[in-house]
């Protein structure tokens, strides 16, 4: 069981990495690759976070994990659940290559697997919901950078962040996503309360 879960984590991490590399090489081949733009997408960044998270988690399968690993796992799962939800509700209708394997991995498999990983092997000590703010630190930093870029060099990763839509409209969408992140994060923190809780590693 432990070896199987460890192997599954590493295989999914490899699949996610292959999808990112494939899209990177495709962008280079099309002549559209710009490092700051490609790696500026929330999808790419969170999938990379998910990859690192799965690799780290694989080293602690079936045993106590440091508290920071649990926060990382909860955060990665939250980010990718948000990615999957936002993509299929807001972006899918206008997306090219909707059913390509890389799109399905980056906007589907990754979120499902990180969520399942959290639910199957939850934290050994309950994460206090009052600390859910930790989950949105990275998305807040990402949003600030993206908004600055949109105002300065005109680049934005998603249509709902287009400065032409007015910053009031952007603020509403971003605030909604942040609230959703807090709600999903709180649910992540609470989702494993049914488990027998034991002290976590320091």
N, C-alpha and C. Protein backbone atom coordinates (compact mmCIF):
# COMPACT_ATOMS: atom_id res chain seq x y z
N UNK A 1 0.83 -1.21 0.00
CA UNK A 1 0.00 0.00 0.00
C UNK A 1 0.86 1.26 0.00
N UNK A 2 1.86 1.29 0.91
CA UNK A 2 2.73 2.46 1.00
C UNK A 2 3.54 2.62 -0.27
N UNK A 3 4.13 1.50 -0.75
CA UNK A 3 4.91 1.58 -1.98
C UNK A 3 4.05 1.97 -3.17
N UNK A 4 2.82 1.44 -3.19
CA UNK A 4 1.92 1.75 -4.30
C UNK A 4 1.56 3.23 -4.34
N UNK A 5 1.30 3.81 -3.17
CA UNK A 5 0.94 5.22 -3.12
C UNK A 5 2.14 6.10 -3.46
N UNK A 6 3.31 5.69 -2.98
CA UNK A 6 4.53 6.43 -3.31
C UNK A 6 4.76 6.43 -4.81
N UNK A 7 4.61 5.26 -5.43
CA UNK A 7 4.79 5.15 -6.88
C UNK A 7 3.75 5.97 -7.63
N UNK A 8 2.49 5.93 -7.17
CA UNK A 8 1.43 6.69 -7.82
C UNK A 8 1.72 8.18 -7.78
N UNK A 9 2.19 8.67 -6.64
CA UNK A 9 2.52 10.09 -6.51
C UNK A 9 3.61 10.48 -7.51
N UNK A 10 4.63 9.67 -7.60
CA UNK A 10 5.74 9.98 -8.50
C UNK A 10 5.33 9.89 -9.97
N UNK A 11 4.48 8.92 -10.30
CA UNK A 11 4.02 8.77 -11.68
C UNK A 11 3.16 9.96 -12.11
N UNK A 12 2.27 10.40 -11.22
CA UNK A 12 1.43 11.56 -11.55
C UNK A 12 2.28 12.82 -11.65
N UNK A 13 3.25 12.97 -10.75
CA UNK A 13 4.16 14.12 -10.82
C UNK A 13 4.90 14.13 -12.15
N UNK A 14 5.33 12.95 -12.61
CA UNK A 14 6.04 12.84 -13.89
C UNK A 14 5.11 13.19 -15.04
N UNK A 15 3.85 12.76 -14.96
CA UNK A 15 2.88 13.08 -16.01
C UNK A 15 2.62 14.58 -16.07
N UNK A 16 2.47 15.21 -14.92
CA UNK A 16 2.25 16.65 -14.88
C UNK A 16 3.45 17.40 -15.44
N UNK A 17 4.65 16.96 -15.08
CA UNK A 17 5.87 17.60 -15.58
C UNK A 17 5.97 17.43 -17.10
N UNK A 18 5.61 16.25 -17.59
CA UNK A 18 5.64 16.00 -19.04
C UNK A 18 4.69 16.93 -19.77
N UNK A 19 3.51 17.19 -19.17
CA UNK A 19 2.54 18.09 -19.79
C UNK A 19 3.07 19.52 -19.85
N UNK A 20 3.70 19.98 -18.76
CA UNK A 20 4.28 21.33 -18.74
C UNK A 20 5.38 21.44 -19.79
N UNK A 21 6.27 20.46 -19.84
CA UNK A 21 7.38 20.48 -20.80
C UNK A 21 6.85 20.43 -22.23
N UNK A 22 5.84 19.61 -22.47
CA UNK A 22 5.25 19.52 -23.81
C UNK A 22 4.72 20.87 -24.27
N UNK A 23 3.97 21.55 -23.39
CA UNK A 23 3.43 22.86 -23.76
C UNK A 23 4.53 23.89 -23.93
N UNK A 24 5.57 23.79 -23.12
CA UNK A 24 6.72 24.70 -23.26
C UNK A 24 7.39 24.52 -24.62
N UNK A 25 7.65 23.27 -24.99
CA UNK A 25 8.30 22.98 -26.28
C UNK A 25 7.40 23.38 -27.45
N UNK A 26 6.08 23.20 -27.28
CA UNK A 26 5.15 23.59 -28.33
C UNK A 26 5.18 25.10 -28.53
N UNK A 27 5.26 25.86 -27.43
CA UNK A 27 5.32 27.32 -27.52
C UNK A 27 6.62 27.75 -28.20
N UNK A 28 7.71 27.08 -27.88
CA UNK A 28 8.99 27.39 -28.53
C UNK A 28 8.91 27.11 -30.02
N UNK A 29 8.29 25.96 -30.37
CA UNK A 29 8.16 25.58 -31.78
C UNK A 29 7.30 26.58 -32.55
N UNK A 30 6.28 27.13 -31.91
CA UNK A 30 5.42 28.13 -32.57
C UNK A 30 6.07 29.50 -32.63
N UNK A 31 7.13 29.68 -31.87
CA UNK A 31 7.79 30.98 -31.81
C UNK A 31 7.09 31.96 -30.90
N UNK A 32 6.24 31.45 -29.99
CA UNK A 32 5.48 32.32 -29.09
C UNK A 32 5.99 32.26 -27.65
N UNK A 33 7.06 31.52 -27.44
CA UNK A 33 7.53 31.34 -26.07
C UNK A 33 8.23 32.59 -25.54
N UNK A 34 7.72 33.09 -24.42
CA UNK A 34 8.36 34.17 -23.66
C UNK A 34 8.37 33.67 -22.23
N UNK A 35 9.55 33.53 -21.66
CA UNK A 35 9.67 32.87 -20.37
C UNK A 35 8.78 33.48 -19.30
N UNK A 36 8.72 34.82 -19.23
CA UNK A 36 7.94 35.47 -18.18
C UNK A 36 6.44 35.29 -18.39
N UNK A 37 6.05 35.13 -19.67
CA UNK A 37 4.63 34.92 -19.95
C UNK A 37 4.23 33.46 -19.70
N UNK A 38 5.01 32.54 -20.24
CA UNK A 38 4.67 31.12 -20.08
C UNK A 38 4.59 30.74 -18.61
N UNK A 39 5.60 31.15 -17.85
CA UNK A 39 5.62 30.80 -16.43
C UNK A 39 4.82 31.79 -15.57
N UNK A 40 4.15 32.74 -16.25
CA UNK A 40 3.31 33.68 -15.52
C UNK A 40 1.90 33.16 -15.29
N UNK A 41 1.54 32.09 -16.01
CA UNK A 41 0.19 31.54 -15.86
C UNK A 41 0.04 30.84 -14.51
N UNK A 42 -1.08 31.10 -13.86
CA UNK A 42 -1.39 30.45 -12.58
C UNK A 42 -1.43 28.94 -12.76
N UNK A 43 -1.95 28.49 -13.89
CA UNK A 43 -2.02 27.04 -14.16
C UNK A 43 -0.64 26.41 -14.16
N UNK A 44 0.30 27.04 -14.86
CA UNK A 44 1.65 26.47 -14.94
C UNK A 44 2.32 26.50 -13.57
N UNK A 45 2.22 27.62 -12.89
CA UNK A 45 2.87 27.74 -11.58
C UNK A 45 2.29 26.75 -10.58
N UNK A 46 0.97 26.61 -10.55
CA UNK A 46 0.37 25.72 -9.56
C UNK A 46 0.60 24.26 -9.89
N UNK A 47 0.70 23.93 -11.17
CA UNK A 47 1.04 22.56 -11.52
C UNK A 47 2.48 22.24 -11.11
N UNK A 48 3.37 23.21 -11.26
CA UNK A 48 4.75 23.01 -10.79
C UNK A 48 4.79 22.84 -9.27
N UNK A 49 3.97 23.63 -8.57
CA UNK A 49 3.87 23.47 -7.12
C UNK A 49 3.32 22.09 -6.79
N UNK A 50 2.33 21.64 -7.56
CA UNK A 50 1.76 20.32 -7.35
C UNK A 50 2.78 19.21 -7.56
N UNK A 51 3.62 19.38 -8.58
CA UNK A 51 4.66 18.39 -8.85
C UNK A 51 5.62 18.27 -7.67
N UNK A 52 6.10 19.41 -7.21
CA UNK A 52 7.02 19.44 -6.07
C UNK A 52 6.35 18.83 -4.84
N UNK A 53 5.08 19.17 -4.64
CA UNK A 53 4.33 18.67 -3.49
C UNK A 53 4.23 17.15 -3.51
N UNK A 54 3.90 16.58 -4.66
CA UNK A 54 3.78 15.13 -4.76
C UNK A 54 5.12 14.43 -4.52
N UNK A 55 6.18 15.02 -5.04
CA UNK A 55 7.51 14.42 -4.84
C UNK A 55 7.89 14.46 -3.36
N UNK A 56 7.65 15.59 -2.70
CA UNK A 56 7.95 15.70 -1.27
C UNK A 56 7.08 14.73 -0.48
N UNK A 57 5.77 14.70 -0.80
CA UNK A 57 4.85 13.82 -0.07
C UNK A 57 5.24 12.36 -0.23
N UNK A 58 5.80 12.01 -1.38
CA UNK A 58 6.17 10.61 -1.62
C UNK A 58 7.25 10.14 -0.65
N UNK A 59 8.00 11.05 -0.09
CA UNK A 59 9.05 10.70 0.85
C UNK A 59 8.50 10.48 2.26
N UNK A 60 7.22 10.82 2.46
CA UNK A 60 6.62 10.68 3.79
C UNK A 60 5.40 9.76 3.76
N UNK A 61 5.23 9.00 2.70
CA UNK A 61 4.05 8.14 2.59
C UNK A 61 3.96 7.19 3.78
N UNK A 62 2.81 7.21 4.46
CA UNK A 62 2.58 6.28 5.55
C UNK A 62 3.24 6.62 6.86
N UNK A 63 3.87 7.79 6.94
CA UNK A 63 4.51 8.15 8.22
C UNK A 63 4.30 9.63 8.52
N UNK A 64 4.69 10.03 9.71
CA UNK A 64 4.48 11.41 10.14
C UNK A 64 5.20 12.38 9.22
N UNK A 65 4.54 13.51 8.96
CA UNK A 65 5.10 14.55 8.10
C UNK A 65 5.25 15.84 8.89
N UNK A 66 6.26 16.63 8.59
CA UNK A 66 6.39 17.95 9.22
C UNK A 66 5.15 18.79 8.92
N UNK A 67 4.81 19.68 9.80
CA UNK A 67 3.61 20.50 9.63
C UNK A 67 3.66 21.30 8.32
N UNK A 68 4.84 21.78 7.94
CA UNK A 68 4.93 22.58 6.72
C UNK A 68 4.57 21.77 5.48
N UNK A 69 4.83 20.47 5.51
CA UNK A 69 4.47 19.61 4.39
C UNK A 69 2.95 19.53 4.27
N UNK A 70 2.26 19.47 5.43
CA UNK A 70 0.80 19.41 5.41
C UNK A 70 0.20 20.70 4.86
N UNK A 71 0.77 21.84 5.25
CA UNK A 71 0.29 23.11 4.71
C UNK A 71 0.56 23.19 3.21
N UNK A 72 1.71 22.69 2.78
CA UNK A 72 2.03 22.68 1.35
C UNK A 72 1.04 21.81 0.59
N UNK A 73 0.74 20.63 1.13
CA UNK A 73 -0.20 19.72 0.46
C UNK A 73 -1.60 20.34 0.38
N UNK A 74 -2.05 20.94 1.48
CA UNK A 74 -3.38 21.57 1.48
C UNK A 74 -3.42 22.74 0.50
N UNK A 75 -2.36 23.52 0.46
CA UNK A 75 -2.30 24.67 -0.44
C UNK A 75 -2.29 24.22 -1.89
N UNK A 76 -1.45 23.25 -2.23
CA UNK A 76 -1.37 22.77 -3.61
C UNK A 76 -2.71 22.21 -4.07
N UNK A 77 -3.36 21.44 -3.21
CA UNK A 77 -4.67 20.88 -3.56
C UNK A 77 -5.69 21.99 -3.78
N UNK A 78 -5.66 23.00 -2.91
CA UNK A 78 -6.59 24.13 -3.05
C UNK A 78 -6.37 24.86 -4.36
N UNK A 79 -5.10 25.17 -4.67
CA UNK A 79 -4.79 25.90 -5.91
C UNK A 79 -5.29 25.14 -7.13
N UNK A 80 -5.04 23.84 -7.16
CA UNK A 80 -5.38 23.08 -8.36
C UNK A 80 -6.87 22.80 -8.47
N UNK A 81 -7.56 22.72 -7.34
CA UNK A 81 -9.02 22.63 -7.39
C UNK A 81 -9.59 23.92 -7.97
N UNK A 82 -9.02 25.06 -7.56
CA UNK A 82 -9.45 26.35 -8.11
C UNK A 82 -9.15 26.43 -9.60
N UNK A 83 -7.96 25.97 -10.00
CA UNK A 83 -7.58 25.96 -11.42
C UNK A 83 -8.59 25.17 -12.24
N UNK A 84 -8.90 23.97 -11.80
CA UNK A 84 -9.85 23.12 -12.52
C UNK A 84 -11.23 23.78 -12.58
N UNK A 85 -11.68 24.33 -11.46
CA UNK A 85 -13.02 24.94 -11.41
C UNK A 85 -13.11 26.18 -12.30
N UNK A 86 -12.12 27.07 -12.17
CA UNK A 86 -12.14 28.31 -12.98
C UNK A 86 -12.01 27.98 -14.46
N UNK A 87 -11.15 27.04 -14.80
CA UNK A 87 -10.97 26.72 -16.22
C UNK A 87 -12.25 26.21 -16.84
N UNK A 88 -12.87 25.22 -16.21
CA UNK A 88 -14.04 24.59 -16.83
C UNK A 88 -15.30 25.43 -16.73
N UNK A 89 -15.31 26.45 -15.89
CA UNK A 89 -16.49 27.32 -15.81
C UNK A 89 -16.31 28.63 -16.57
N UNK A 90 -15.09 29.17 -16.60
CA UNK A 90 -14.88 30.49 -17.22
C UNK A 90 -14.08 30.45 -18.52
N UNK A 91 -13.15 29.53 -18.64
CA UNK A 91 -12.21 29.58 -19.76
C UNK A 91 -12.43 28.51 -20.83
N UNK A 92 -12.97 27.38 -20.46
CA UNK A 92 -13.12 26.28 -21.42
C UNK A 92 -13.87 26.65 -22.69
N UNK A 93 -14.95 27.45 -22.60
CA UNK A 93 -15.70 27.77 -23.83
C UNK A 93 -14.88 28.49 -24.90
N UNK A 94 -13.82 29.18 -24.50
CA UNK A 94 -13.00 29.92 -25.47
C UNK A 94 -11.60 29.34 -25.61
N UNK A 95 -11.39 28.15 -25.09
CA UNK A 95 -10.05 27.56 -25.09
C UNK A 95 -9.82 26.69 -26.32
N UNK A 96 -8.62 26.82 -26.89
CA UNK A 96 -8.21 25.95 -27.99
C UNK A 96 -7.61 24.67 -27.41
N UNK A 97 -7.73 23.58 -28.15
CA UNK A 97 -7.14 22.33 -27.71
C UNK A 97 -7.73 21.82 -26.43
N UNK A 98 -9.06 21.96 -26.29
CA UNK A 98 -9.73 21.63 -25.05
C UNK A 98 -9.50 20.19 -24.61
N UNK A 99 -9.49 19.27 -25.57
CA UNK A 99 -9.42 17.85 -25.23
C UNK A 99 -8.04 17.25 -25.48
N UNK A 100 -7.02 18.09 -25.59
CA UNK A 100 -5.67 17.56 -25.72
C UNK A 100 -5.24 16.96 -24.38
N UNK A 101 -4.30 16.02 -24.44
CA UNK A 101 -3.90 15.33 -23.20
C UNK A 101 -3.25 16.27 -22.21
N UNK A 102 -2.49 17.24 -22.72
CA UNK A 102 -1.83 18.16 -21.80
C UNK A 102 -2.85 19.05 -21.09
N UNK A 103 -3.85 19.51 -21.82
CA UNK A 103 -4.88 20.33 -21.20
C UNK A 103 -5.65 19.55 -20.14
N UNK A 104 -5.96 18.30 -20.43
CA UNK A 104 -6.70 17.48 -19.48
C UNK A 104 -5.87 17.19 -18.23
N UNK A 105 -4.56 17.06 -18.42
CA UNK A 105 -3.69 16.82 -17.26
C UNK A 105 -3.57 18.08 -16.41
N UNK A 106 -3.28 19.21 -17.05
CA UNK A 106 -3.03 20.45 -16.31
C UNK A 106 -4.29 21.09 -15.75
N UNK A 107 -5.44 20.84 -16.40
CA UNK A 107 -6.69 21.44 -15.94
C UNK A 107 -7.70 20.41 -15.45
N UNK A 108 -7.24 19.21 -15.16
CA UNK A 108 -8.16 18.19 -14.70
C UNK A 108 -7.51 17.18 -13.78
N UNK A 109 -6.64 16.37 -14.34
CA UNK A 109 -5.99 15.29 -13.58
C UNK A 109 -5.27 15.83 -12.35
N UNK A 110 -4.52 16.91 -12.53
CA UNK A 110 -3.72 17.45 -11.42
C UNK A 110 -4.59 17.81 -10.22
N UNK A 111 -5.70 18.50 -10.47
CA UNK A 111 -6.57 18.90 -9.37
C UNK A 111 -7.24 17.72 -8.70
N UNK A 112 -7.71 16.76 -9.51
CA UNK A 112 -8.37 15.58 -8.96
C UNK A 112 -7.40 14.77 -8.11
N UNK A 113 -6.18 14.59 -8.61
CA UNK A 113 -5.19 13.77 -7.90
C UNK A 113 -4.75 14.44 -6.60
N UNK A 114 -4.46 15.75 -6.65
CA UNK A 114 -4.02 16.43 -5.42
C UNK A 114 -5.11 16.41 -4.35
N UNK A 115 -6.37 16.55 -4.78
CA UNK A 115 -7.49 16.47 -3.84
C UNK A 115 -7.61 15.06 -3.28
N UNK A 116 -7.54 14.06 -4.15
CA UNK A 116 -7.64 12.66 -3.69
C UNK A 116 -6.49 12.31 -2.77
N UNK A 117 -5.29 12.79 -3.10
CA UNK A 117 -4.11 12.52 -2.28
C UNK A 117 -4.31 13.05 -0.86
N UNK A 118 -4.89 14.25 -0.76
CA UNK A 118 -5.14 14.87 0.54
C UNK A 118 -6.18 14.09 1.34
N UNK A 119 -7.24 13.65 0.64
CA UNK A 119 -8.31 12.94 1.32
C UNK A 119 -7.91 11.52 1.72
N UNK A 120 -7.09 10.88 0.89
CA UNK A 120 -6.67 9.51 1.18
C UNK A 120 -5.67 9.46 2.33
N UNK A 121 -4.70 10.35 2.28
CA UNK A 121 -3.70 10.39 3.36
C UNK A 121 -3.66 11.81 3.93
N UNK A 122 -4.66 12.10 4.74
CA UNK A 122 -4.77 13.43 5.32
C UNK A 122 -3.72 13.68 6.39
N UNK A 123 -3.74 14.88 6.96
CA UNK A 123 -2.74 15.24 7.97
C UNK A 123 -2.90 14.41 9.24
N UNK A 124 -1.79 14.14 9.89
CA UNK A 124 -1.85 13.36 11.12
C UNK A 124 -2.27 14.21 12.30
N UNK A 125 -2.19 15.50 12.13
CA UNK A 125 -2.70 16.44 13.15
C UNK A 125 -3.56 17.47 12.43
N UNK A 126 -4.68 17.79 13.02
CA UNK A 126 -5.61 18.71 12.37
C UNK A 126 -4.99 20.08 12.15
N UNK A 127 -5.15 20.60 10.94
CA UNK A 127 -4.68 21.96 10.67
C UNK A 127 -5.76 22.93 11.14
N UNK A 128 -5.44 23.88 12.01
CA UNK A 128 -6.45 24.82 12.50
C UNK A 128 -6.98 25.71 11.39
N UNK A 129 -8.29 25.81 11.30
CA UNK A 129 -8.92 26.62 10.24
C UNK A 129 -8.50 28.08 10.34
N UNK A 130 -8.16 28.55 11.54
CA UNK A 130 -7.75 29.96 11.69
C UNK A 130 -6.47 30.25 10.89
N UNK A 131 -5.75 29.21 10.48
CA UNK A 131 -4.52 29.40 9.70
C UNK A 131 -4.76 29.27 8.20
N UNK A 132 -6.02 29.26 7.77
CA UNK A 132 -6.30 29.07 6.36
C UNK A 132 -5.75 30.21 5.50
N UNK A 133 -5.47 31.36 6.12
CA UNK A 133 -4.89 32.49 5.38
C UNK A 133 -3.58 32.10 4.71
N UNK A 134 -2.90 31.09 5.24
CA UNK A 134 -1.64 30.64 4.65
C UNK A 134 -1.85 30.21 3.20
N UNK A 135 -3.00 29.63 2.94
CA UNK A 135 -3.31 29.10 1.61
C UNK A 135 -3.33 30.19 0.54
N UNK A 136 -3.78 31.40 0.89
CA UNK A 136 -3.93 32.42 -0.15
C UNK A 136 -2.74 33.38 -0.26
N UNK A 137 -1.68 33.16 0.51
CA UNK A 137 -0.52 34.04 0.42
C UNK A 137 0.06 34.04 -1.00
N UNK A 138 0.24 32.86 -1.56
CA UNK A 138 0.79 32.77 -2.92
C UNK A 138 -0.16 33.36 -3.97
N UNK A 139 -1.47 33.01 -3.97
CA UNK A 139 -2.36 33.62 -4.96
C UNK A 139 -2.42 35.14 -4.88
N UNK A 140 -2.34 35.70 -3.68
CA UNK A 140 -2.33 37.16 -3.53
C UNK A 140 -1.09 37.74 -4.18
N UNK A 141 0.06 37.12 -3.92
CA UNK A 141 1.31 37.61 -4.52
C UNK A 141 1.24 37.50 -6.04
N UNK A 142 0.71 36.38 -6.53
CA UNK A 142 0.58 36.19 -7.99
C UNK A 142 -0.32 37.27 -8.59
N UNK A 143 -1.45 37.53 -7.97
CA UNK A 143 -2.40 38.52 -8.49
C UNK A 143 -1.79 39.91 -8.53
N UNK A 144 -1.03 40.26 -7.50
CA UNK A 144 -0.40 41.58 -7.46
C UNK A 144 0.57 41.74 -8.63
N UNK A 145 1.40 40.71 -8.85
CA UNK A 145 2.36 40.76 -9.96
C UNK A 145 1.64 40.88 -11.30
N UNK A 146 0.58 40.09 -11.49
CA UNK A 146 -0.16 40.10 -12.75
C UNK A 146 -0.82 41.45 -12.99
N UNK A 147 -1.40 42.03 -11.95
CA UNK A 147 -2.05 43.33 -12.10
C UNK A 147 -1.03 44.43 -12.43
N UNK A 148 0.14 44.34 -11.82
CA UNK A 148 1.20 45.31 -12.13
C UNK A 148 1.64 45.15 -13.58
N UNK A 149 1.79 43.90 -14.03
CA UNK A 149 2.19 43.67 -15.42
C UNK A 149 1.11 44.16 -16.37
N UNK A 150 -0.15 43.93 -16.04
CA UNK A 150 -1.23 44.38 -16.92
C UNK A 150 -1.25 45.89 -17.06
N UNK A 151 -0.88 46.58 -15.98
CA UNK A 151 -0.89 48.05 -16.01
C UNK A 151 0.36 48.62 -16.65
N UNK A 152 1.43 47.84 -16.72
CA UNK A 152 2.70 48.36 -17.24
C UNK A 152 3.02 47.86 -18.65
N UNK A 153 3.13 46.54 -18.82
CA UNK A 153 3.50 46.04 -20.15
C UNK A 153 2.30 45.48 -20.92
N UNK A 154 1.11 45.53 -20.31
CA UNK A 154 -0.10 45.14 -21.03
C UNK A 154 -0.36 43.65 -21.12
N UNK A 155 0.50 42.82 -20.49
CA UNK A 155 0.30 41.36 -20.56
C UNK A 155 -0.62 40.90 -19.44
N UNK A 156 -1.55 40.04 -19.80
CA UNK A 156 -2.41 39.42 -18.79
C UNK A 156 -2.66 37.97 -19.22
N UNK A 157 -2.69 37.04 -18.26
CA UNK A 157 -2.78 35.62 -18.60
C UNK A 157 -4.17 35.12 -18.96
N UNK A 158 -5.21 35.78 -18.44
CA UNK A 158 -6.57 35.29 -18.66
C UNK A 158 -7.49 36.46 -19.02
N UNK A 159 -8.51 36.20 -19.85
CA UNK A 159 -9.39 37.30 -20.29
C UNK A 159 -10.03 38.10 -19.16
N UNK A 160 -10.35 37.44 -18.05
CA UNK A 160 -11.01 38.17 -16.96
C UNK A 160 -10.05 39.09 -16.21
N UNK A 161 -8.75 39.07 -16.60
CA UNK A 161 -7.78 39.98 -16.00
C UNK A 161 -7.34 41.07 -16.99
N UNK A 162 -8.05 41.19 -18.08
CA UNK A 162 -7.75 42.21 -19.09
C UNK A 162 -8.07 43.60 -18.54
N UNK A 163 -7.08 44.49 -18.46
CA UNK A 163 -7.32 45.84 -17.94
C UNK A 163 -8.43 46.58 -18.69
N UNK A 164 -8.69 46.17 -19.94
CA UNK A 164 -9.74 46.82 -20.73
C UNK A 164 -11.12 46.58 -20.12
N UNK A 165 -11.24 45.58 -19.26
CA UNK A 165 -12.52 45.28 -18.63
C UNK A 165 -12.80 46.19 -17.43
N UNK A 166 -11.85 47.04 -17.10
CA UNK A 166 -11.89 47.94 -15.94
C UNK A 166 -11.41 47.21 -14.70
N UNK A 167 -10.72 47.97 -13.86
CA UNK A 167 -10.15 47.35 -12.66
C UNK A 167 -11.23 47.01 -11.63
N UNK A 168 -12.37 47.65 -11.75
CA UNK A 168 -13.48 47.31 -10.85
C UNK A 168 -13.96 45.89 -11.15
N UNK A 169 -14.08 45.59 -12.44
CA UNK A 169 -14.50 44.25 -12.85
C UNK A 169 -13.48 43.21 -12.45
N UNK A 170 -12.21 43.55 -12.65
CA UNK A 170 -11.13 42.63 -12.27
C UNK A 170 -11.14 42.38 -10.77
N UNK A 171 -11.35 43.46 -10.01
CA UNK A 171 -11.36 43.35 -8.54
C UNK A 171 -12.46 42.40 -8.07
N UNK A 172 -13.62 42.46 -8.72
CA UNK A 172 -14.74 41.58 -8.34
C UNK A 172 -14.37 40.12 -8.60
N UNK A 173 -13.80 39.86 -9.78
CA UNK A 173 -13.44 38.49 -10.13
C UNK A 173 -12.35 37.96 -9.21
N UNK A 174 -11.30 38.77 -9.00
CA UNK A 174 -10.19 38.35 -8.15
C UNK A 174 -10.66 38.12 -6.72
N UNK A 175 -11.49 39.03 -6.21
CA UNK A 175 -12.01 38.87 -4.86
C UNK A 175 -12.82 37.59 -4.74
N UNK A 176 -13.61 37.30 -5.78
CA UNK A 176 -14.40 36.07 -5.78
C UNK A 176 -13.53 34.83 -5.73
N UNK A 177 -12.43 34.86 -6.49
CA UNK A 177 -11.52 33.71 -6.51
C UNK A 177 -10.82 33.56 -5.16
N UNK A 178 -10.44 34.70 -4.54
CA UNK A 178 -9.80 34.65 -3.22
C UNK A 178 -10.75 34.06 -2.18
N UNK A 179 -12.00 34.50 -2.23
CA UNK A 179 -12.99 33.97 -1.28
C UNK A 179 -13.17 32.47 -1.51
N UNK A 180 -13.24 32.09 -2.78
CA UNK A 180 -13.37 30.66 -3.10
C UNK A 180 -12.16 29.90 -2.57
N UNK A 181 -10.96 30.50 -2.69
CA UNK A 181 -9.75 29.87 -2.18
C UNK A 181 -9.81 29.66 -0.68
N UNK A 182 -10.30 30.66 0.03
CA UNK A 182 -10.43 30.55 1.49
C UNK A 182 -11.44 29.46 1.86
N UNK A 183 -12.54 29.42 1.13
CA UNK A 183 -13.57 28.41 1.42
C UNK A 183 -13.05 27.01 1.14
N UNK A 184 -12.41 26.84 -0.03
CA UNK A 184 -11.86 25.52 -0.39
C UNK A 184 -10.77 25.13 0.61
N UNK A 185 -9.92 26.11 0.97
CA UNK A 185 -8.86 25.83 1.93
C UNK A 185 -9.42 25.40 3.27
N UNK A 186 -10.46 26.08 3.73
CA UNK A 186 -11.10 25.72 5.00
C UNK A 186 -11.69 24.33 4.94
N UNK A 187 -12.28 24.00 3.80
CA UNK A 187 -12.83 22.65 3.63
C UNK A 187 -11.71 21.62 3.63
N UNK A 188 -10.58 21.96 3.01
CA UNK A 188 -9.43 21.05 3.02
C UNK A 188 -8.96 20.80 4.45
N UNK A 189 -8.87 21.87 5.22
CA UNK A 189 -8.41 21.74 6.59
C UNK A 189 -9.36 20.88 7.43
N UNK A 190 -10.65 20.95 7.08
CA UNK A 190 -11.67 20.25 7.87
C UNK A 190 -12.04 18.88 7.32
N UNK A 191 -11.63 18.59 6.10
CA UNK A 191 -12.10 17.39 5.42
C UNK A 191 -11.63 16.09 6.04
N UNK A 192 -10.60 16.14 6.86
CA UNK A 192 -10.06 14.90 7.42
C UNK A 192 -10.33 14.78 8.92
N UNK A 193 -11.33 15.51 9.42
CA UNK A 193 -11.64 15.45 10.85
C UNK A 193 -12.12 14.07 11.28
N UNK A 194 -12.63 13.31 10.32
CA UNK A 194 -13.11 11.97 10.65
C UNK A 194 -11.97 11.01 10.98
N UNK A 195 -10.73 11.40 10.62
CA UNK A 195 -9.60 10.51 10.87
C UNK A 195 -9.19 10.52 12.34
N UNK A 196 -8.51 9.47 12.72
CA UNK A 196 -7.92 9.43 14.05
C UNK A 196 -6.68 10.33 14.02
N UNK A 197 -6.71 11.39 14.80
CA UNK A 197 -5.63 12.36 14.79
C UNK A 197 -4.53 11.99 15.75
N UNK A 198 -3.29 12.06 15.28
CA UNK A 198 -2.13 11.83 16.11
C UNK A 198 -1.19 13.01 15.99
N UNK A 199 -0.30 13.22 16.94
CA UNK A 199 0.57 14.39 16.86
C UNK A 199 1.42 14.40 15.60
N UNK A 200 1.54 15.56 14.98
CA UNK A 200 2.37 15.70 13.79
C UNK A 200 3.80 15.97 14.19
N UNK A 201 4.70 15.74 13.24
CA UNK A 201 6.11 16.04 13.49
C UNK A 201 6.28 17.54 13.60
N UNK A 202 7.29 17.95 14.34
CA UNK A 202 7.53 19.39 14.51
C UNK A 202 8.05 19.98 13.22
